[in-house]
Amino acid sequence: MDPVSGENLNRFIRSLEKHKEYALVCGVIENNELVTARRLRIIKRHLAVRDAWQIGPHDVDVAGIQRHDDPIIPKDQIDPPVLYALQQKKERSARPNQRKRKKKR
C-alpha cells in the first residue's frame, strides 16, 4: 500500500484512543460486495505504530516490509535498520528455491 497521506492512519488512531480497542476481521469479496466473518474477529487493545526505517531484518514487523519498498528515511539517520532488512529480502528473492520437494510414493 502506498497511501498519499497519513489521514486514514490518524483517523484510526483517534478512534482507537476513543474506543480503546479494535477488531481484526477476515473478509472476502462476493458479487462485488465485502462479506466479513464478524464472529471470527480478534479484539485488540494495543497497536504499535513505527516508521518503516526503524524496522530491521530480525524484527517481527519485517513481514510488513517488501523488497521493492522505498521507505522514507530521515536525513539524520546514518545506518537505518530497514536498509539491512531490504538487502536481506532482495538477496533471498535472488536465490533459487532451495527447498527439496519430497517424492510422492
Foldseek 3Di string as FASTA:
>chain_A
DDDPDCVVVVVVVVVCVVPQKDKDWDWDADPNDTDTDVVPIDIDRDDDDDFLLQDAQPHPCLVVPALPDDGDDDPVDDDGRNVNNNVVNVVVVPDDDPDDDDDDD
